[in-house]
Amino acid sequence: MKLLAFCDQVFGCSLSTLCQRENGSVPIFVTMCIDHVENNGLCVDGLYRVSGNLAIIQKLRFAINHDERVNLSDSKWEDFHVITGALKMYFRELPEPLFTYALFHDFISAIKSPDYKQRVQSIKDLVRQLPVCNHDTMQTLFKHLRKVIEHGEENRMTTQSVAIVYGPTLLRPEQETWNIAVHMVYQNQIVELILLEYENIFGR
């Protein structure tokens, strides 16, 4: 019943339900945040790593969830760390993570392969198995994160630092176990590999 209570909102709503409601394959809020950052904030120091003001992030979350007309260029959202913090919160609050529970252990197994080419191919095959909304949202997010990394001289964000920020947010097991620290290493490595091999993994 908990899921149903949130399905008329954006945060906490399942990705498939939200995309169906919006008649698209990538949530409007996700593209809105990405477009704003890419147009104005790619050079901001510590993008995605630095935490924004939580109270203001919660205000933005409330406004989005209550269908208020939000303009991210408004002065009350002027801190880019608030925008990136809200986007991270959106992915963290998905009832099921972007990489899905069903494929979590398959992704972990794939990244453990000793052969690099096999690792990339296995991850590529798994990404193709994702539901359309998950796949398209992942592709949109990772394309954006690559642009963040390309501006690393200004924002001081590397592939590794982006992976550390996003690994546990996008990938997690349905049941937390004792080996959470071990999983975290692999979660980060998976995100890092997809960032490094973006063209290969999302290419035809």
C-alpha atoms as a PDB file:
ATOM      1  CA  MET A   1       0.000   0.000   0.000  1.00  0.00           C
ATOM      2  CA  LYS A   2       2.922   2.315   0.618  1.00  0.00           C
ATOM      3  CA  LEU A   3       3.759   2.427  -3.094  1.00  0.00           C
ATOM      4  CA  LEU A   4       0.235   3.377  -4.071  1.00  0.00           C
ATOM      5  CA  ALA A   5       0.265   6.356  -1.719  1.00  0.00           C
ATOM      6  CA  PHE A   6       3.129   7.941  -3.643  1.00  0.00           C
ATOM      7  CA  CYS A   7       2.084   7.159  -7.197  1.00  0.00           C
ATOM      8  CA  ASP A   8       0.518  10.567  -7.809  1.00  0.00           C
ATOM      9  CA  GLN A   9       3.831  12.231  -6.931  1.00  0.00           C
ATOM     10  CA  VAL A  10       7.335  12.229  -8.418  1.00  0.00           C
ATOM     11  CA  PHE A  11       9.667  11.374  -5.549  1.00  0.00           C
ATOM     12  CA  GLY A  12       9.098   7.870  -4.205  1.00  0.00           C
ATOM     13  CA  CYS A  13       7.007   6.810  -7.197  1.00  0.00           C
ATOM     14  CA  SER A  14       8.065   3.768  -9.202  1.00  0.00           C
ATOM     15  CA  LEU A  15       9.912   4.692 -12.386  1.00  0.00           C
ATOM     16  CA  SER A  16       7.534   2.774 -14.657  1.00  0.00           C
ATOM     17  CA  THR A  17       4.448   4.390 -13.087  1.00  0.00           C
ATOM     18  CA  LEU A  18       5.894   7.891 -13.371  1.00  0.00           C
ATOM     19  CA  CYS A  19       7.004   7.417 -16.981  1.00  0.00           C
ATOM     20  CA  GLN A  20       3.615   5.987 -17.902  1.00  0.00           C
ATOM     21  CA  ARG A  21       1.887   8.962 -16.279  1.00  0.00           C
ATOM     22  CA  GLU A  22       4.159  11.426 -18.082  1.00  0.00           C
ATOM     23  CA  ASN A  23       3.947   9.470 -21.351  1.00  0.00           C
ATOM     24  CA  GLY A  24       7.727   9.275 -21.741  1.00  0.00           C
ATOM     25  CA  SER A  25      10.671   7.009 -20.947  1.00  0.00           C
ATOM     26  CA  VAL A  26      12.721   9.474 -18.839  1.00  0.00           C
ATOM     27  CA  PRO A  27      11.121  11.422 -15.951  1.00  0.00           C
ATOM     28  CA  ILE A  28      10.618  15.130 -16.682  1.00  0.00           C
ATOM     29  CA  PHE A  29      12.243  16.059 -13.360  1.00  0.00           C
ATOM     30  CA  VAL A  30      15.417  14.169 -14.302  1.00  0.00           C
ATOM     31  CA  THR A  31      15.782  15.928 -17.667  1.00  0.00           C
ATOM     32  CA  MET A  32      14.885  19.264 -16.069  1.00  0.00           C
ATOM     33  CA  CYS A  33      17.721  18.970 -13.520  1.00  0.00           C
ATOM     34  CA  ILE A  34      20.211  17.710 -16.096  1.00  0.00           C
ATOM     35  CA  ASP A  35      19.397  20.480 -18.599  1.00  0.00           C
ATOM     36  CA  HIS A  36      19.740  23.152 -15.914  1.00  0.00           C
ATOM     37  CA  VAL A  37      23.121  21.868 -14.731  1.00  0.00           C
ATOM     38  CA  GLU A  38      24.443  21.450 -18.281  1.00  0.00           C
ATOM     39  CA  ASN A  39      23.324  24.931 -19.314  1.00  0.00           C
ATOM     40  CA  ASN A  40      24.715  26.742 -16.300  1.00  0.00           C
ATOM     41  CA  GLY A  41      26.622  24.654 -13.780  1.00  0.00           C
ATOM     42  CA  LEU A  42      29.072  22.131 -15.239  1.00  0.00           C
ATOM     43  CA  CYS A  43      32.041  24.074 -13.852  1.00  0.00           C
ATOM     44  CA  VAL A  44      30.731  24.257 -10.259  1.00  0.00           C
ATOM     45  CA  ASP A  45      33.293  22.841  -7.834  1.00  0.00           C
ATOM     46  CA  GLY A  46      32.416  19.439  -6.372  1.00  0.00           C
ATOM     47  CA  LEU A  47      29.314  18.937  -8.519  1.00  0.00           C
ATOM     48  CA  TYR A  48      27.303  15.996  -7.070  1.00  0.00           C
ATOM     49  CA  ARG A  49      29.948  15.424  -4.373  1.00  0.00           C
ATOM     50  CA  VAL A  50      29.215  18.532  -2.284  1.00  0.00           C
ATOM     51  CA  SER A  51      25.949  18.355  -0.335  1.00  0.00           C
ATOM     52  CA  GLY A  52      23.357  21.068  -0.842  1.00  0.00           C
ATOM     53  CA  ASN A  53      21.251  22.638   1.916  1.00  0.00           C
ATOM     54  CA  LEU A  54      18.895  19.809   2.927  1.00  0.00           C
ATOM     55  CA  ALA A  55      16.070  22.162   3.962  1.00  0.00           C
ATOM     56  CA  ILE A  56      16.064  23.807   0.512  1.00  0.00           C
ATOM     57  CA  ILE A  57      16.340  20.416  -1.216  1.00  0.00           C
ATOM     58  CA  GLN A  58      13.245  19.309   0.737  1.00  0.00           C
ATOM     59  CA  LYS A  59      11.412  22.474  -0.369  1.00  0.00           C
ATOM     60  CA  LEU A  60      12.225  21.657  -3.988  1.00  0.00           C
ATOM     61  CA  ARG A  61      11.110  18.074  -3.442  1.00  0.00           C
ATOM     62  CA  PHE A  62       7.819  19.316  -1.964  1.00  0.00           C
ATOM     63  CA  ALA A  63       7.243  21.724  -4.867  1.00  0.00           C
ATOM     64  CA  ILE A  64       7.887  18.997  -7.470  1.00  0.00           C
ATOM     65  CA  ASN A  65       5.704  16.476  -5.633  1.00  0.00           C
ATOM     66  CA  HIS A  66       2.820  18.940  -5.338  1.00  0.00           C
ATOM     67  CA  ASP A  67       2.850  19.793  -9.022  1.00  0.00           C
ATOM     68  CA  GLU A  68       3.909  23.384  -8.473  1.00  0.00           C
ATOM     69  CA  ARG A  69       5.328  25.097 -11.540  1.00  0.00           C
ATOM     70  CA  VAL A  70       9.029  24.967 -10.764  1.00  0.00           C
ATOM     71  CA  ASN A  71      11.552  27.116 -12.594  1.00  0.00           C
ATOM     72  CA  LEU A  72      15.044  25.981 -11.622  1.00  0.00           C
ATOM     73  CA  SER A  73      16.400  29.372 -12.724  1.00  0.00           C
ATOM     74  CA  ASP A  74      14.450  30.984  -9.865  1.00  0.00           C
ATOM     75  CA  SER A  75      16.791  32.562  -7.299  1.00  0.00           C
ATOM     76  CA  LYS A  76      15.554  30.262  -4.521  1.00  0.00           C
ATOM     77  CA  TRP A  77      17.144  27.311  -6.337  1.00  0.00           C
ATOM     78  CA  GLU A  78      20.307  29.224  -7.292  1.00  0.00           C
ATOM     79  CA  ASP A  79      22.670  26.813  -5.490  1.00  0.00           C
ATOM     80  CA  PHE A  80      23.549  24.065  -7.981  1.00  0.00           C
ATOM     81  CA  HIS A  81      24.268  21.707  -5.088  1.00  0.00           C
ATOM     82  CA  VAL A  82      20.548  21.924  -4.242  1.00  0.00           C
ATOM     83  CA  ILE A  83      19.634  20.816  -7.787  1.00  0.00           C
ATOM     84  CA  THR A  84      22.159  17.969  -7.820  1.00  0.00           C
ATOM     85  CA  GLY A  85      21.171  17.015  -4.269  1.00  0.00           C
ATOM     86  CA  ALA A  86      17.515  16.793  -5.296  1.00  0.00           C
ATOM     87  CA  LEU A  87      18.397  14.635  -8.309  1.00  0.00           C
ATOM     88  CA  LYS A  88      20.425  12.258  -6.124  1.00  0.00           C
ATOM     89  CA  MET A  89      17.529  12.167  -3.643  1.00  0.00           C
ATOM     90  CA  TYR A  90      15.118  11.303  -6.464  1.00  0.00           C
ATOM     91  CA  PHE A  91      17.177   8.256  -7.450  1.00  0.00           C
ATOM     92  CA  ARG A  92      17.734   7.279  -3.813  1.00  0.00           C
ATOM     93  CA  GLU A  93      13.985   7.340  -3.114  1.00  0.00           C
ATOM     94  CA  LEU A  94      12.976   5.136  -6.053  1.00  0.00           C
ATOM     95  CA  PRO A  95      11.096   2.140  -4.576  1.00  0.00           C
ATOM     96  CA  GLU A  96      13.340  -0.045  -6.734  1.00  0.00           C
ATOM     97  CA  PRO A  97      16.818   1.200  -7.726  1.00  0.00           C
ATOM     98  CA  LEU A  98      17.585   2.163 -11.319  1.00  0.00           C
ATOM     99  CA  PHE A  99      19.607  -1.024 -11.949  1.00  0.00           C
ATOM    100  CA  THR A 100      16.673  -3.072 -10.504  1.00  0.00           C
ATOM    101  CA  TYR A 101      16.730  -5.631  -7.703  1.00  0.00           C
ATOM    102  CA  ALA A 102      16.332  -8.514 -10.154  1.00  0.00           C
ATOM    103  CA  LEU A 103      19.642  -7.823 -11.902  1.00  0.00           C
ATOM    104  CA  PHE A 104      21.689  -6.670  -8.892  1.00  0.00           C
ATOM    105  CA  HIS A 105      23.570  -9.927  -8.336  1.00  0.00           C
ATOM    106  CA  ASP A 106      24.079 -10.386 -12.091  1.00  0.00           C
ATOM    107  CA  PHE A 107      25.741  -6.962 -12.287  1.00  0.00           C
ATOM    108  CA  ILE A 108      27.941  -7.858  -9.299  1.00  0.00           C
ATOM    109  CA  SER A 109      28.929 -11.167 -10.928  1.00  0.00           C
ATOM    110  CA  ALA A 110      29.691  -9.397 -14.214  1.00  0.00           C
ATOM    111  CA  ILE A 111      32.052  -6.844 -12.665  1.00  0.00           C
ATOM    112  CA  LYS A 112      33.996  -9.651 -10.952  1.00  0.00           C
ATOM    113  CA  SER A 113      35.071 -11.166 -14.278  1.00  0.00           C
ATOM    114  CA  PRO A 114      38.892 -11.169 -14.542  1.00  0.00           C
ATOM    115  CA  ASP A 115      38.712 -10.462 -18.284  1.00  0.00           C
ATOM    116  CA  TYR A 116      38.063  -6.765 -19.056  1.00  0.00           C
ATOM    117  CA  LYS A 117      36.398  -7.318 -22.444  1.00  0.00           C
ATOM    118  CA  GLN A 118      34.124  -9.955 -20.941  1.00  0.00           C
ATOM    119  CA  ARG A 119      33.289  -7.570 -18.088  1.00  0.00           C
ATOM    120  CA  VAL A 120      32.228  -4.847 -20.519  1.00  0.00           C
ATOM    121  CA  GLN A 121      30.212  -7.253 -22.690  1.00  0.00           C
ATOM    122  CA  SER A 122      28.412  -8.749 -19.669  1.00  0.00           C
ATOM    123  CA  ILE A 123      27.499  -5.294 -18.329  1.00  0.00           C
ATOM    124  CA  LYS A 124      26.313  -4.273 -21.812  1.00  0.00           C
ATOM    125  CA  ASP A 125      24.109  -7.369 -22.055  1.00  0.00           C
ATOM    126  CA  LEU A 126      22.604  -6.673 -18.621  1.00  0.00           C
ATOM    127  CA  VAL A 127      21.907  -3.016 -19.430  1.00  0.00           C
ATOM    128  CA  ARG A 128      19.987  -4.210 -22.504  1.00  0.00           C
ATOM    129  CA  GLN A 129      17.822  -6.418 -20.264  1.00  0.00           C
ATOM    130  CA  LEU A 130      16.594  -3.446 -18.231  1.00  0.00           C
ATOM    131  CA  PRO A 131      13.022  -2.176 -18.685  1.00  0.00           C
ATOM    132  CA  VAL A 132      12.800   0.655 -21.244  1.00  0.00           C
ATOM    133  CA  CYS A 133      12.343   3.417 -18.645  1.00  0.00           C
ATOM    134  CA  ASN A 134      15.308   2.173 -16.604  1.00  0.00           C
ATOM    135  CA  HIS A 135      17.491   1.846 -19.696  1.00  0.00           C
ATOM    136  CA  ASP A 136      16.615   5.259 -21.133  1.00  0.00           C
ATOM    137  CA  THR A 137      16.878   7.042 -17.787  1.00  0.00           C
ATOM    138  CA  MET A 138      20.244   5.374 -17.156  1.00  0.00           C
ATOM    139  CA  GLN A 139      21.504   6.380 -20.598  1.00  0.00           C
ATOM    140  CA  THR A 140      20.382   9.988 -20.046  1.00  0.00           C
ATOM    141  CA  LEU A 141      21.960  10.169 -16.588  1.00  0.00           C
ATOM    142  CA  PHE A 142      25.277   8.596 -17.613  1.00  0.00           C
ATOM    143  CA  LYS A 143      25.552  10.800 -20.704  1.00  0.00           C
ATOM    144  CA  HIS A 144      25.166  13.779 -18.373  1.00  0.00           C
ATOM    145  CA  LEU A 145      27.680  12.446 -15.839  1.00  0.00           C
ATOM    146  CA  ARG A 146      30.201  12.031 -18.657  1.00  0.00           C
ATOM    147  CA  LYS A 147      29.825  15.758 -19.390  1.00  0.00           C
ATOM    148  CA  VAL A 148      30.393  16.488 -15.696  1.00  0.00           C
ATOM    149  CA  ILE A 149      33.632  14.477 -15.835  1.00  0.00           C
ATOM    150  CA  GLU A 150      34.716  16.236 -19.056  1.00  0.00           C
ATOM    151  CA  HIS A 151      34.704  19.487 -17.046  1.00  0.00           C
ATOM    152  CA  GLY A 152      36.825  17.885 -14.329  1.00  0.00           C
ATOM    153  CA  GLU A 153      39.517  20.564 -14.444  1.00  0.00           C
ATOM    154  CA  GLU A 154      36.934  23.114 -13.296  1.00  0.00           C
ATOM    155  CA  ASN A 155      34.620  21.032 -11.070  1.00  0.00           C
ATOM    156  CA  ARG A 156      37.283  18.604  -9.758  1.00  0.00           C
ATOM    157  CA  MET A 157      35.072  15.584 -10.419  1.00  0.00           C
ATOM    158  CA  THR A 158      36.715  12.451 -11.815  1.00  0.00           C
ATOM    159  CA  THR A 159      35.170   9.229 -13.108  1.00  0.00           C
ATOM    160  CA  GLN A 160      36.026   7.603  -9.799  1.00  0.00           C
ATOM    161  CA  SER A 161      34.550  10.374  -7.633  1.00  0.00           C
ATOM    162  CA  VAL A 162      31.297  10.363  -9.635  1.00  0.00           C
ATOM    163  CA  ALA A 163      31.138   6.560  -9.294  1.00  0.00           C
ATOM    164  CA  ILE A 164      31.592   6.806  -5.512  1.00  0.00           C
ATOM    165  CA  VAL A 165      28.705   9.288  -5.308  1.00  0.00           C
ATOM    166  CA  TYR A 166      26.321   7.334  -7.540  1.00  0.00           C
ATOM    167  CA  GLY A 167      27.256   3.662  -7.028  1.00  0.00           C
ATOM    168  CA  PRO A 168      25.227   2.970  -3.865  1.00  0.00           C
ATOM    169  CA  THR A 169      22.391   5.242  -5.075  1.00  0.00           C
ATOM    170  CA  LEU A 170      21.755   3.401  -8.339  1.00  0.00           C
ATOM    171  CA  LEU A 171      22.588  -0.170  -7.287  1.00  0.00           C
ATOM    172  CA  ARG A 172      21.573  -1.921  -4.106  1.00  0.00           C
ATOM    173  CA  PRO A 173      20.349  -5.387  -3.119  1.00  0.00           C
ATOM    174  CA  GLU A 174      16.759  -5.929  -2.008  1.00  0.00           C
ATOM    175  CA  GLN A 175      18.009  -7.388   1.272  1.00  0.00           C
ATOM    176  CA  GLU A 176      20.941  -5.637   2.938  1.00  0.00           C
ATOM    177  CA  THR A 177      23.462  -8.228   4.081  1.00  0.00           C
ATOM    178  CA  TRP A 178      26.611  -8.353   6.177  1.00  0.00           C
ATOM    179  CA  ASN A 179      28.817  -7.779   3.114  1.00  0.00           C
ATOM    180  CA  ILE A 180      27.504  -4.257   2.418  1.00  0.00           C
ATOM    181  CA  ALA A 181      31.054  -2.822   2.315  1.00  0.00           C
ATOM    182  CA  VAL A 182      32.107  -5.426  -0.256  1.00  0.00           C
ATOM    183  CA  HIS A 183      29.025  -4.670  -2.356  1.00  0.00           C
ATOM    184  CA  MET A 184      29.811  -0.954  -2.243  1.00  0.00           C
ATOM    185  CA  VAL A 185      33.195  -1.528  -3.882  1.00  0.00           C
ATOM    186  CA  TYR A 186      31.539  -3.433  -6.732  1.00  0.00           C
ATOM    187  CA  GLN A 187      28.672  -0.915  -7.004  1.00  0.00           C
ATOM    188  CA  ASN A 188      31.185   1.866  -7.564  1.00  0.00           C
ATOM    189  CA  GLN A 189      33.177  -0.232 -10.047  1.00  0.00           C
ATOM    190  CA  ILE A 190      30.047  -0.952 -12.113  1.00  0.00           C
ATOM    191  CA  VAL A 191      29.149   2.739 -12.379  1.00  0.00           C
ATOM    192  CA  GLU A 192      32.771   3.584 -13.182  1.00  0.00           C
ATOM    193  CA  LEU A 193      32.920   0.975 -15.960  1.00  0.00           C
ATOM    194  CA  ILE A 194      29.699   2.237 -17.573  1.00  0.00           C
ATOM    195  CA  LEU A 195      31.045   5.801 -17.481  1.00  0.00           C
ATOM    196  CA  LEU A 196      34.317   4.701 -19.085  1.00  0.00           C
ATOM    197  CA  GLU A 197      32.642   2.466 -21.690  1.00  0.00           C
ATOM    198  CA  TYR A 198      29.523   4.585 -22.295  1.00  0.00           C
ATOM    199  CA  GLU A 199      29.660   4.519 -26.120  1.00  0.00           C
ATOM    200  CA  ASN A 200      30.269   0.786 -26.188  1.00  0.00           C
ATOM    201  CA  ILE A 201      27.580  -0.104 -23.652  1.00  0.00           C
ATOM    202  CA  PHE A 202      24.841   2.116 -25.063  1.00  0.00           C
ATOM    203  CA  GLY A 203      25.888   1.741 -28.699  1.00  0.00           C
ATOM    204  CA  ARG A 204      24.218  -0.682 -31.050  1.00  0.00           C
END
